[in-house]
PDB file of N, CA and C in Angstrom:
ATOM      1  N   MET A   1      36.259  19.088   9.905  1.00  0.00           N
ATOM      2  CA  MET A   1      36.668  18.264   8.778  1.00  0.00           C
ATOM      3  C   MET A   1      36.712  16.797   9.222  1.00  0.00           C
ATOM      4  N   GLY A   2      37.009  16.488  10.498  1.00  0.00           N
ATOM      5  CA  GLY A   2      37.048  15.109  10.914  1.00  0.00           C
ATOM      6  C   GLY A   2      35.742  14.387  10.788  1.00  0.00           C
ATOM      7  N   ILE A   3      34.649  15.105  10.947  1.00  0.00           N
ATOM      8  CA  ILE A   3      33.300  14.492  10.800  1.00  0.00           C
ATOM      9  C   ILE A   3      33.115  14.056   9.370  1.00  0.00           C
ATOM     10  N   VAL A   4      33.444  14.886   8.445  1.00  0.00           N
ATOM     11  CA  VAL A   4      33.259  14.513   6.982  1.00  0.00           C
ATOM     12  C   VAL A   4      34.214  13.383   6.633  1.00  0.00           C
ATOM     13  N   ARG A   5      35.444  13.392   7.131  1.00  0.00           N
ATOM     14  CA  ARG A   5      36.391  12.350   6.799  1.00  0.00           C
ATOM     15  C   ARG A   5      35.859  10.955   7.260  1.00  0.00           C
ATOM     16  N   SER A   6      35.269  10.875   8.471  1.00  0.00           N
ATOM     17  CA  SER A   6      34.800   9.605   8.950  1.00  0.00           C
ATOM     18  C   SER A   6      33.615   9.098   8.079  1.00  0.00           C
ATOM     19  N   ALA A   7      32.768   9.983   7.584  1.00  0.00           N
ATOM     20  CA  ALA A   7      31.663   9.611   6.702  1.00  0.00           C
ATOM     21  C   ALA A   7      32.205   9.115   5.351  1.00  0.00           C
ATOM     22  N   LEU A   8      33.253   9.797   4.866  1.00  0.00           N
ATOM     23  CA  LEU A   8      33.795   9.476   3.584  1.00  0.00           C
ATOM     24  C   LEU A   8      34.510   8.141   3.549  1.00  0.00           C
ATOM     25  N   SER A   9      34.923   7.642   4.744  1.00  0.00           N
ATOM     26  CA  SER A   9      35.621   6.361   4.811  1.00  0.00           C
ATOM     27  C   SER A   9      34.751   5.178   4.555  1.00  0.00           C
ATOM     28  N   MET A  10      33.421   5.362   4.584  1.00  0.00           N
ATOM     29  CA  MET A  10      32.466   4.361   4.193  1.00  0.00           C
ATOM     30  C   MET A  10      32.390   4.331   2.721  1.00  0.00           C
ATOM     31  N   HIS A  11      33.115   3.432   2.047  1.00  0.00           N
ATOM     32  CA  HIS A  11      33.414   3.526   0.636  1.00  0.00           C
ATOM     33  C   HIS A  11      32.453   2.768  -0.353  1.00  0.00           C
ATOM     34  N   GLN A  12      31.617   1.930   0.116  1.00  0.00           N
ATOM     35  CA  GLN A  12      30.724   1.222  -0.825  1.00  0.00           C
ATOM     36  C   GLN A  12      29.290   1.750  -0.653  1.00  0.00           C
ATOM     37  N   ALA A  13      28.570   1.763  -1.705  1.00  0.00           N
ATOM     38  CA  ALA A  13      27.210   2.306  -1.640  1.00  0.00           C
ATOM     39  C   ALA A  13      26.278   1.703  -0.612  1.00  0.00           C
ATOM     40  N   PHE A  14      26.322   0.408  -0.526  1.00  0.00           N
ATOM     41  CA  PHE A  14      25.352  -0.281   0.406  1.00  0.00           C
ATOM     42  C   PHE A  14      26.019  -0.730   1.674  1.00  0.00           C
ATOM     43  N   GLN A  15      27.253  -0.244   1.921  1.00  0.00           N
ATOM     44  CA  GLN A  15      27.932  -0.613   3.170  1.00  0.00           C
ATOM     45  C   GLN A  15      27.531   0.405   4.231  1.00  0.00           C
ATOM     46  N   VAL A  16      27.160  -0.060   5.403  1.00  0.00           N
ATOM     47  CA  VAL A  16      26.713   0.783   6.451  1.00  0.00           C
ATOM     48  C   VAL A  16      27.889   1.439   7.136  1.00  0.00           C
ATOM     49  N   ALA A  17      28.926   0.691   7.532  1.00  0.00           N
ATOM     50  CA  ALA A  17      30.123   1.235   8.181  1.00  0.00           C
ATOM     51  C   ALA A  17      31.220   0.204   8.079  1.00  0.00           C
ATOM     52  N   PRO A  18      32.403   0.644   7.777  1.00  0.00           N
ATOM     53  CA  PRO A  18      33.567  -0.258   7.675  1.00  0.00           C
ATOM     54  C   PRO A  18      34.125  -0.610   9.070  1.00  0.00           C
ATOM     55  N   GLY A  19      34.887  -1.663   9.085  1.00  0.00           N
ATOM     56  CA  GLY A  19      35.658  -2.005  10.277  1.00  0.00           C
ATOM     57  C   GLY A  19      34.798  -2.704  11.376  1.00  0.00           C
ATOM     58  N   PRO A  20      35.458  -2.786  12.539  1.00  0.00           N
ATOM     59  CA  PRO A  20      34.765  -3.502  13.612  1.00  0.00           C
ATOM     60  C   PRO A  20      33.557  -2.768  14.145  1.00  0.00           C
ATOM     61  N   ILE A  21      32.687  -3.449  14.799  1.00  0.00           N
ATOM     62  CA  ILE A  21      31.484  -2.858  15.348  1.00  0.00           C
ATOM     63  C   ILE A  21      31.897  -1.953  16.500  1.00  0.00           C
ATOM     64  N   TYR A  22      32.835  -2.290  17.322  1.00  0.00           N
ATOM     65  CA  TYR A  22      33.206  -1.484  18.441  1.00  0.00           C
ATOM     66  C   TYR A  22      34.221  -0.432  18.012  1.00  0.00           C
ATOM     67  N   SER A  23      34.051   0.786  18.462  1.00  0.00           N
ATOM     68  CA  SER A  23      35.000   1.882  18.173  1.00  0.00           C
ATOM     69  C   SER A  23      35.499   2.395  19.526  1.00  0.00           C
ATOM     70  N   ALA A  24      36.796   2.586  19.691  1.00  0.00           N
ATOM     71  CA  ALA A  24      37.356   3.128  20.966  1.00  0.00           C
ATOM     72  C   ALA A  24      37.096   4.585  21.089  1.00  0.00           C
ATOM     73  N   GLU A  25      36.774   5.262  20.009  1.00  0.00           N
ATOM     74  CA  GLU A  25      36.524   6.713  20.075  1.00  0.00           C
ATOM     75  C   GLU A  25      35.180   6.981  20.684  1.00  0.00           C
ATOM     76  N   LYS A  26      35.054   7.982  21.543  1.00  0.00           N
ATOM     77  CA  LYS A  26      33.773   8.396  22.110  1.00  0.00           C
ATOM     78  C   LYS A  26      32.962   9.044  21.004  1.00  0.00           C
ATOM     79  N   PRO A  27      31.739   8.643  20.815  1.00  0.00           N
ATOM     80  CA  PRO A  27      30.891   9.231  19.753  1.00  0.00           C
ATOM     81  C   PRO A  27      30.573  10.673  20.055  1.00  0.00           C
ATOM     82  N   VAL A  28      30.507  11.437  18.994  1.00  0.00           N
ATOM     83  CA  VAL A  28      30.184  12.866  19.101  1.00  0.00           C
ATOM     84  C   VAL A  28      28.667  13.045  19.259  1.00  0.00           C
ATOM     85  N   ARG A  29      28.259  13.886  20.175  1.00  0.00           N
ATOM     86  CA  ARG A  29      26.832  14.150  20.387  1.00  0.00           C
ATOM     87  C   ARG A  29      26.552  15.631  20.035  1.00  0.00           C
ATOM     88  N   SER A  30      25.463  15.807  19.277  1.00  0.00           N
ATOM     89  CA  SER A  30      25.053  17.165  18.931  1.00  0.00           C
ATOM     90  C   SER A  30      23.585  17.285  18.824  1.00  0.00           C
ATOM     91  N   ARG A  31      23.015  17.885  19.837  1.00  0.00           N
ATOM     92  CA  ARG A  31      21.549  18.058  19.916  1.00  0.00           C
ATOM     93  C   ARG A  31      21.073  18.888  18.695  1.00  0.00           C
ATOM     94  N   ALA A  32      21.817  19.936  18.352  1.00  0.00           N
ATOM     95  CA  ALA A  32      21.486  20.820  17.270  1.00  0.00           C
ATOM     96  C   ALA A  32      21.443  20.052  15.961  1.00  0.00           C
ATOM     97  N   TYR A  33      22.436  19.143  15.711  1.00  0.00           N
ATOM     98  CA  TYR A  33      22.477  18.374  14.473  1.00  0.00           C
ATOM     99  C   TYR A  33      21.298  17.400  14.431  1.00  0.00           C
ATOM    100  N   MET A  34      20.935  16.796  15.546  1.00  0.00           N
ATOM    101  CA  MET A  34      19.826  15.881  15.589  1.00  0.00           C
ATOM    102  C   MET A  34      18.543  16.615  15.214  1.00  0.00           C
ATOM    103  N   GLN A  35      18.353  17.819  15.711  1.00  0.00           N
ATOM    104  CA  GLN A  35      17.153  18.621  15.384  1.00  0.00           C
ATOM    105  C   GLN A  35      17.175  18.967  13.859  1.00  0.00           C
ATOM    106  N   PHE A  36      18.377  19.269  13.326  1.00  0.00           N
ATOM    107  CA  PHE A  36      18.498  19.531  11.913  1.00  0.00           C
ATOM    108  C   PHE A  36      18.048  18.316  11.066  1.00  0.00           C
ATOM    109  N   ILE A  37      18.472  17.160  11.414  1.00  0.00           N
ATOM    110  CA  ILE A  37      18.102  15.894  10.693  1.00  0.00           C
ATOM    111  C   ILE A  37      16.596  15.673  10.777  1.00  0.00           C
ATOM    112  N   LYS A  38      16.008  15.929  11.932  1.00  0.00           N
ATOM    113  CA  LYS A  38      14.572  15.705  12.102  1.00  0.00           C
ATOM    114  C   LYS A  38      13.707  16.602  11.232  1.00  0.00           C
ATOM    115  N   ARG A  39      14.301  17.671  10.672  1.00  0.00           N
ATOM    116  CA  ARG A  39      13.515  18.565   9.792  1.00  0.00           C
ATOM    117  C   ARG A  39      13.284  18.002   8.387  1.00  0.00           C
ATOM    118  N   PHE A  40      14.045  16.952   8.015  1.00  0.00           N
ATOM    119  CA  PHE A  40      13.940  16.358   6.682  1.00  0.00           C
ATOM    120  C   PHE A  40      12.918  15.230   6.696  1.00  0.00           C
ATOM    121  N   PRO A  41      12.290  14.975   5.535  1.00  0.00           N
ATOM    122  CA  PRO A  41      11.347  13.852   5.430  1.00  0.00           C
ATOM    123  C   PRO A  41      12.078  12.469   5.463  1.00  0.00           C
ATOM    124  N   CYS A  42      11.291  11.438   5.697  1.00  0.00           N
ATOM    125  CA  CYS A  42      11.840  10.064   5.730  1.00  0.00           C
ATOM    126  C   CYS A  42      12.455   9.825   4.331  1.00  0.00           C
ATOM    127  N   LEU A  43      13.658   9.276   4.268  1.00  0.00           N
ATOM    128  CA  LEU A  43      14.308   8.999   3.023  1.00  0.00           C
ATOM    129  C   LEU A  43      13.675   7.950   2.206  1.00  0.00           C
ATOM    130  N   VAL A  44      12.808   7.131   2.821  1.00  0.00           N
ATOM    131  CA  VAL A  44      12.177   6.023   2.069  1.00  0.00           C
ATOM    132  C   VAL A  44      10.749   6.383   1.652  1.00  0.00           C
ATOM    133  N   CYS A  45       9.900   6.823   2.551  1.00  0.00           N
ATOM    134  CA  CYS A  45       8.484   7.039   2.231  1.00  0.00           C
ATOM    135  C   CYS A  45       8.130   8.540   2.097  1.00  0.00           C
ATOM    136  N   GLY A  46       9.028   9.439   2.479  1.00  0.00           N
ATOM    137  CA  GLY A  46       8.721  10.859   2.353  1.00  0.00           C
ATOM    138  C   GLY A  46       7.863  11.455   3.466  1.00  0.00           C
ATOM    139  N   LYS A  47       7.507  10.635   4.452  1.00  0.00           N
ATOM    140  CA  LYS A  47       6.719  11.105   5.584  1.00  0.00           C
ATOM    141  C   LYS A  47       7.454  12.266   6.278  1.00  0.00           C
ATOM    142  N   LYS A  48       6.626  13.325   6.618  1.00  0.00           N
ATOM    143  CA  LYS A  48       7.277  14.526   7.164  1.00  0.00           C
ATOM    144  C   LYS A  48       7.138  14.669   8.673  1.00  0.00           C
ATOM    145  N   TRP A  49       6.341  13.824   9.309  1.00  0.00           N
ATOM    146  CA  TRP A  49       6.219  13.976  10.768  1.00  0.00           C
ATOM    147  C   TRP A  49       6.627  12.626  11.436  1.00  0.00           C
ATOM    148  N   GLY A  50       7.016  12.697  12.649  1.00  0.00           N
ATOM    149  CA  GLY A  50       7.449  11.499  13.427  1.00  0.00           C
ATOM    150  C   GLY A  50       8.752  11.028  12.914  1.00  0.00           C
ATOM    151  N   ILE A  51       9.660  11.918  12.527  1.00  0.00           N
ATOM    152  CA  ILE A  51      10.940  11.529  11.972  1.00  0.00           C
ATOM    153  C   ILE A  51      11.953  11.244  13.152  1.00  0.00           C
ATOM    154  N   ASP A  52      12.708  10.153  12.962  1.00  0.00           N
ATOM    155  CA  ASP A  52      13.715   9.758  13.941  1.00  0.00           C
ATOM    156  C   ASP A  52      15.089   9.885  13.286  1.00  0.00           C
ATOM    157  N   PRO A  53      16.064  10.512  13.945  1.00  0.00           N
ATOM    158  CA  PRO A  53      17.404  10.464  13.432  1.00  0.00           C
ATOM    159  C   PRO A  53      17.950   9.035  13.615  1.00  0.00           C
ATOM    160  N   CYS A  54      18.253   8.375  12.586  1.00  0.00           N
ATOM    161  CA  CYS A  54      18.718   6.961  12.629  1.00  0.00           C
ATOM    162  C   CYS A  54      20.231   6.903  12.544  1.00  0.00           C
ATOM    163  N   HIS A  55      20.895   6.411  13.612  1.00  0.00           N
ATOM    164  CA  HIS A  55      22.349   6.298  13.629  1.00  0.00           C
ATOM    165  C   HIS A  55      22.803   5.143  12.695  1.00  0.00           C
ATOM    166  N   THR A  56      23.692   5.437  11.833  1.00  0.00           N
ATOM    167  CA  THR A  56      24.122   4.394  10.871  1.00  0.00           C
ATOM    168  C   THR A  56      25.571   3.933  11.053  1.00  0.00           C
ATOM    169  N   GLY A  57      26.308   4.559  11.888  1.00  0.00           N
ATOM    170  CA  GLY A  57      27.720   4.206  12.092  1.00  0.00           C
ATOM    171  C   GLY A  57      27.968   3.061  13.047  1.00  0.00           C
ATOM    172  N   PRO A  58      29.171   2.791  13.356  1.00  0.00           N
ATOM    173  CA  PRO A  58      29.492   1.682  14.256  1.00  0.00           C
ATOM    174  C   PRO A  58      28.830   1.863  15.650  1.00  0.00           C
ATOM    175  N   HIS A  59      28.328   0.779  16.172  1.00  0.00           N
ATOM    176  CA  HIS A  59      27.697   0.781  17.483  1.00  0.00           C
ATOM    177  C   HIS A  59      28.470  -0.071  18.452  1.00  0.00           C
ATOM    178  N   ALA A  60      28.568   0.392  19.733  1.00  0.00           N
ATOM    179  CA  ALA A  60      29.152  -0.441  20.756  1.00  0.00           C
ATOM    180  C   ALA A  60      28.034  -0.893  21.633  1.00  0.00           C
ATOM    181  N   TYR A  61      28.296  -1.755  22.557  1.00  0.00           N
ATOM    182  CA  TYR A  61      27.245  -2.245  23.465  1.00  0.00           C
ATOM    183  C   TYR A  61      26.701  -1.052  24.262  1.00  0.00           C
ATOM    184  N   GLY A  62      25.395  -0.823  24.142  1.00  0.00           N
ATOM    185  CA  GLY A  62      24.772   0.226  24.870  1.00  0.00           C
ATOM    186  C   GLY A  62      25.094   1.654  24.478  1.00  0.00           C
ATOM    187  N   GLU A  63      25.798   1.821  23.366  1.00  0.00           N
ATOM    188  CA  GLU A  63      26.152   3.173  22.904  1.00  0.00           C
ATOM    189  C   GLU A  63      25.939   3.274  21.386  1.00  0.00           C
ATOM    190  N   LYS A  64      25.356   4.370  20.963  1.00  0.00           N
ATOM    191  CA  LYS A  64      25.111   4.584  19.513  1.00  0.00           C
ATOM    192  C   LYS A  64      26.343   5.229  18.894  1.00  0.00           C
ATOM    193  N   ALA A  65      26.314   5.283  17.560  1.00  0.00           N
ATOM    194  CA  ALA A  65      27.374   5.885  16.814  1.00  0.00           C
ATOM    195  C   ALA A  65      27.262   7.406  16.965  1.00  0.00           C
ATOM    196  N   SER A  66      28.245   8.096  16.368  1.00  0.00           N
ATOM    197  CA  SER A  66      28.227   9.579  16.429  1.00  0.00           C
ATOM    198  C   SER A  66      26.890  10.143  15.818  1.00  0.00           C
ATOM    199  N   ASP A  67      26.433  11.188  16.349  1.00  0.00           N
ATOM    200  CA  ASP A  67      25.229  11.820  15.841  1.00  0.00           C
ATOM    201  C   ASP A  67      25.404  12.272  14.412  1.00  0.00           C
ATOM    202  N   TYR A  68      26.671  12.482  13.947  1.00  0.00           N
ATOM    203  CA  TYR A  68      26.928  12.934  12.586  1.00  0.00           C
ATOM    204  C   TYR A  68      26.834  11.821  11.587  1.00  0.00           C
ATOM    205  N   THR A  69      26.416  10.646  11.985  1.00  0.00           N
ATOM    206  CA  THR A  69      26.145   9.550  11.030  1.00  0.00           C
ATOM    207  C   THR A  69      24.653   9.273  10.873  1.00  0.00           C
ATOM    208  N   CYS A  70      23.811  10.191  11.288  1.00  0.00           N
ATOM    209  CA  CYS A  70      22.339  10.033  11.292  1.00  0.00           C
ATOM    210  C   CYS A  70      21.749  10.318   9.908  1.00  0.00           C
ATOM    211  N   ILE A  71      20.683   9.624   9.622  1.00  0.00           N
ATOM    212  CA  ILE A  71      19.825   9.916   8.480  1.00  0.00           C
ATOM    213  C   ILE A  71      18.365  10.002   8.974  1.00  0.00           C
ATOM    214  N   PRO A  72      17.497  10.745   8.292  1.00  0.00           N
ATOM    215  CA  PRO A  72      16.138  10.866   8.713  1.00  0.00           C
ATOM    216  C   PRO A  72      15.278   9.693   8.262  1.00  0.00           C
ATOM    217  N   LEU A  73      14.643   8.981   9.202  1.00  0.00           N
ATOM    218  CA  LEU A  73      13.721   7.903   8.810  1.00  0.00           C
ATOM    219  C   LEU A  73      12.517   7.963   9.752  1.00  0.00           C
ATOM    220  N   CYS A  74      11.376   7.540   9.216  1.00  0.00           N
ATOM    221  CA  CYS A  74      10.174   7.477  10.048  1.00  0.00           C
ATOM    222  C   CYS A  74      10.398   6.273  11.009  1.00  0.00           C
ATOM    223  N   ARG A  75       9.577   6.150  12.041  1.00  0.00           N
ATOM    224  CA  ARG A  75       9.707   5.051  13.003  1.00  0.00           C
ATOM    225  C   ARG A  75       9.655   3.701  12.347  1.00  0.00           C
ATOM    226  N   LYS A  76       8.770   3.461  11.397  1.00  0.00           N
ATOM    227  CA  LYS A  76       8.663   2.160  10.733  1.00  0.00           C
ATOM    228  C   LYS A  76       9.997   1.801   9.970  1.00  0.00           C
ATOM    229  N   HIS A  77      10.493   2.767   9.227  1.00  0.00           N
ATOM    230  CA  HIS A  77      11.711   2.501   8.495  1.00  0.00           C
ATOM    231  C   HIS A  77      12.974   2.487   9.380  1.00  0.00           C
ATOM    232  N   HIS A  78      12.938   3.230  10.490  1.00  0.00           N
ATOM    233  CA  HIS A  78      14.010   3.170  11.418  1.00  0.00           C
ATOM    234  C   HIS A  78      14.118   1.747  12.000  1.00  0.00           C
ATOM    235  N   GLU A  79      13.053   1.191  12.452  1.00  0.00           N
ATOM    236  CA  GLU A  79      13.064  -0.211  12.922  1.00  0.00           C
ATOM    237  C   GLU A  79      13.477  -1.193  11.882  1.00  0.00           C
ATOM    238  N   GLU A  80      13.055  -0.974  10.674  1.00  0.00           N
ATOM    239  CA  GLU A  80      13.518  -1.894   9.576  1.00  0.00           C
ATOM    240  C   GLU A  80      15.024  -1.746   9.331  1.00  0.00           C
ATOM    241  N   PHE A  81      15.515  -0.560   9.379  1.00  0.00           N
ATOM    242  CA  PHE A  81      16.983  -0.322   9.229  1.00  0.00           C
ATOM    243  C   PHE A  81      17.726  -1.004  10.329  1.00  0.00           C
ATOM    244  N   ASP A  82      17.319  -0.773  11.615  1.00  0.00           N
ATOM    245  CA  ASP A  82      18.017  -1.389  12.746  1.00  0.00           C
ATOM    246  C   ASP A  82      18.059  -2.932  12.732  1.00  0.00           C
ATOM    247  N   SER A  83      17.043  -3.567  12.157  1.00  0.00           N
ATOM    248  CA  SER A  83      17.048  -5.014  12.084  1.00  0.00           C
ATOM    249  C   SER A  83      17.966  -5.554  11.037  1.00  0.00           C
ATOM    250  N   ALA A  84      18.263  -4.879   9.939  1.00  0.00           N
ATOM    251  CA  ALA A  84      19.181  -5.390   8.940  1.00  0.00           C
ATOM    252  C   ALA A  84      19.632  -4.225   8.022  1.00  0.00           C
ATOM    253  N   PRO A  85      20.663  -3.464   8.506  1.00  0.00           N
ATOM    254  CA  PRO A  85      21.078  -2.246   7.781  1.00  0.00           C
ATOM    255  C   PRO A  85      21.461  -2.438   6.313  1.00  0.00           C
ATOM    256  N   GLU A  86      22.283  -3.448   6.035  1.00  0.00           N
ATOM    257  CA  GLU A  86      22.738  -3.588   4.628  1.00  0.00           C
ATOM    258  C   GLU A  86      21.619  -4.013   3.721  1.00  0.00           C
ATOM    259  N   THR A  87      20.729  -4.891   4.228  1.00  0.00           N
ATOM    260  CA  THR A  87      19.592  -5.347   3.423  1.00  0.00           C
ATOM    261  C   THR A  87      18.640  -4.177   3.186  1.00  0.00           C
ATOM    262  N   PHE A  88      18.477  -3.331   4.193  1.00  0.00           N
ATOM    263  CA  PHE A  88      17.626  -2.140   4.101  1.00  0.00           C
ATOM    264  C   PHE A  88      18.130  -1.192   3.007  1.00  0.00           C
ATOM    265  N   ALA A  89      19.440  -0.943   2.992  1.00  0.00           N
ATOM    266  CA  ALA A  89      20.049  -0.030   2.033  1.00  0.00           C
ATOM    267  C   ALA A  89      19.888  -0.560   0.637  1.00  0.00           C
ATOM    268  N   ARG A  90      20.102  -1.858   0.487  1.00  0.00           N
ATOM    269  CA  ARG A  90      19.927  -2.472  -0.906  1.00  0.00           C
ATOM    270  C   ARG A  90      18.482  -2.384  -1.314  1.00  0.00           C
ATOM    271  N   LYS A  91      17.565  -2.822  -0.427  1.00  0.00           N
ATOM    272  CA  LYS A  91      16.166  -2.906  -0.807  1.00  0.00           C
ATOM    273  C   LYS A  91      15.594  -1.537  -1.210  1.00  0.00           C
ATOM    274  N   HIS A  92      16.005  -0.449  -0.541  1.00  0.00           N
ATOM    275  CA  HIS A  92      15.449   0.895  -0.773  1.00  0.00           C
ATOM    276  C   HIS A  92      16.427   1.718  -1.703  1.00  0.00           C
ATOM    277  N   HIS A  93      17.474   1.078  -2.246  1.00  0.00           N
ATOM    278  CA  HIS A  93      18.385   1.729  -3.146  1.00  0.00           C
ATOM    279  C   HIS A  93      18.975   3.040  -2.550  1.00  0.00           C
ATOM    280  N   LEU A  94      19.425   2.937  -1.302  1.00  0.00           N
ATOM    281  CA  LEU A  94      20.027   4.122  -0.632  1.00  0.00           C
ATOM    282  C   LEU A  94      21.549   3.959  -0.500  1.00  0.00           C
ATOM    283  N   ASN A  95      22.194   5.033  -0.919  1.00  0.00           N
ATOM    284  CA  ASN A  95      23.609   5.104  -0.769  1.00  0.00           C
ATOM    285  C   ASN A  95      23.884   5.853   0.523  1.00  0.00           C
ATOM    286  N   ILE A  96      23.928   5.122   1.630  1.00  0.00           N
ATOM    287  CA  ILE A  96      23.991   5.726   2.957  1.00  0.00           C
ATOM    288  C   ILE A  96      25.189   6.649   3.111  1.00  0.00           C
ATOM    289  N   PRO A  97      26.458   6.229   2.758  1.00  0.00           N
ATOM    290  CA  PRO A  97      27.577   7.151   2.954  1.00  0.00           C
ATOM    291  C   PRO A  97      27.371   8.434   2.175  1.00  0.00           C
ATOM    292  N   ALA A  98      26.890   8.395   0.956  1.00  0.00           N
ATOM    293  CA  ALA A  98      26.641   9.613   0.152  1.00  0.00           C
ATOM    294  C   ALA A  98      25.620  10.481   0.786  1.00  0.00           C
ATOM    295  N   LEU A  99      24.569   9.900   1.331  1.00  0.00           N
ATOM    296  CA  LEU A  99      23.519  10.697   2.024  1.00  0.00           C
ATOM    297  C   LEU A  99      24.070  11.373   3.257  1.00  0.00           C
ATOM    298  N   ILE A 100      24.922  10.674   4.033  1.00  0.00           N
ATOM    299  CA  ILE A 100      25.477  11.253   5.225  1.00  0.00           C
ATOM    300  C   ILE A 100      26.349  12.437   4.803  1.00  0.00           C
ATOM    301  N   CYS A 101      27.202  12.269   3.803  1.00  0.00           N
ATOM    302  CA  CYS A 101      28.018  13.360   3.312  1.00  0.00           C
ATOM    303  C   CYS A 101      27.177  14.567   2.834  1.00  0.00           C
ATOM    304  N   GLY A 102      26.058  14.290   2.231  1.00  0.00           N
ATOM    305  CA  GLY A 102      25.207  15.366   1.762  1.00  0.00           C
ATOM    306  C   GLY A 102      24.590  16.123   2.954  1.00  0.00           C
ATOM    307  N   PHE A 103      24.209  15.448   3.957  1.00  0.00           N
ATOM    308  CA  PHE A 103      23.633  16.085   5.153  1.00  0.00           C
ATOM    309  C   PHE A 103      24.688  16.840   5.851  1.00  0.00           C
ATOM    310  N   LEU A 104      25.916  16.314   6.002  1.00  0.00           N
ATOM    311  CA  LEU A 104      26.990  17.031   6.616  1.00  0.00           C
ATOM    312  C   LEU A 104      27.395  18.287   5.864  1.00  0.00           C
ATOM    313  N   ARG A 105      27.350  18.264   4.515  1.00  0.00           N
ATOM    314  CA  ARG A 105      27.615  19.423   3.735  1.00  0.00           C
ATOM    315  C   ARG A 105      26.582  20.508   3.972  1.00  0.00           C
ATOM    316  N   ARG A 106      25.345  20.149   4.015  1.00  0.00           N
ATOM    317  CA  ARG A 106      24.215  21.091   4.217  1.00  0.00           C
ATOM    318  C   ARG A 106      24.390  21.702   5.628  1.00  0.00           C
ATOM    319  N   TRP A 107      24.762  20.852   6.593  1.00  0.00           N
ATOM    320  CA  TRP A 107      24.953  21.281   8.013  1.00  0.00           C
ATOM    321  C   TRP A 107      26.081  22.318   8.035  1.00  0.00           C
ATOM    322  N   ALA A 108      27.215  22.021   7.369  1.00  0.00           N
ATOM    323  CA  ALA A 108      28.350  22.928   7.352  1.00  0.00           C
ATOM    324  C   ALA A 108      27.981  24.249   6.722  1.00  0.00           C
ATOM    325  N   GLU A 109      27.227  24.173   5.632  1.00  0.00           N
ATOM    326  CA  GLU A 109      26.778  25.462   4.985  1.00  0.00           C
ATOM    327  C   GLU A 109      25.898  26.239   5.925  1.00  0.00           C
ATOM    328  N   ARG A 110      24.987  25.581   6.653  1.00  0.00           N
ATOM    329  CA  ARG A 110      24.100  26.255   7.592  1.00  0.00           C
ATOM    330  C   ARG A 110      24.884  26.891   8.712  1.00  0.00           C
ATOM    331  N   MET A 111      25.924  26.194   9.211  1.00  0.00           N
ATOM    332  CA  MET A 111      26.708  26.718  10.292  1.00  0.00           C
ATOM    333  C   MET A 111      27.514  27.925   9.808  1.00  0.00           C
ATOM    334  N   GLN A 112      28.002  27.916   8.583  1.00  0.00           N
ATOM    335  CA  GLN A 112      28.699  29.118   8.051  1.00  0.00           C
ATOM    336  C   GLN A 112      27.802  30.291   7.944  1.00  0.00           C
ATOM    337  N   ARG A 113      26.528  30.070   7.531  1.00  0.00           N
ATOM    338  CA  ARG A 113      25.589  31.213   7.413  1.00  0.00           C
ATOM    339  C   ARG A 113      25.294  31.833   8.815  1.00  0.00           C
ATOM    340  N   THR A 114      25.191  30.961   9.810  1.00  0.00           N
ATOM    341  CA  THR A 114      24.774  31.447  11.149  1.00  0.00           C
ATOM    342  C   THR A 114      25.974  32.113  11.872  1.00  0.00           C
ATOM    343  N   THR A 115      27.223  31.831  11.493  1.00  0.00           N
ATOM    344  CA  THR A 115      28.369  32.453  12.153  1.00  0.00           C
ATOM    345  C   THR A 115      28.786  33.780  11.519  1.00  0.00           C
ATOM    346  N   ARG A 116      28.206  34.101  10.400  1.00  0.00           N
ATOM    347  CA  ARG A 116      28.609  35.375   9.749  1.00  0.00           C
ATOM    348  C   ARG A 116      27.971  36.573  10.435  1.00  0.00           C
TER     349      ARG A 116
END
């Protein structure tokens, strides 16, 4: 539930992440979740191959945000996002927090199915 709560705290549609850039919490890493995200097409162009999980949460120096803040983007759009996240979200009409919540919901459903 903590994963979903952190994604829900991003309260504006075009806001990438609230608060300071540095977070004292150690980011969560999940190889399985990253593979799950890579299965989806790019959110902008729909390309289905060469997908990168793009971290959208707070970044510290030399460290990425939690893997649970990723969205699927092709290399071109990943680079565009990294250069200006808020501009990217506005330009492509993406509600990043809602997308993250949607992916987390699907992940939770998948995990429930596999544990039965």
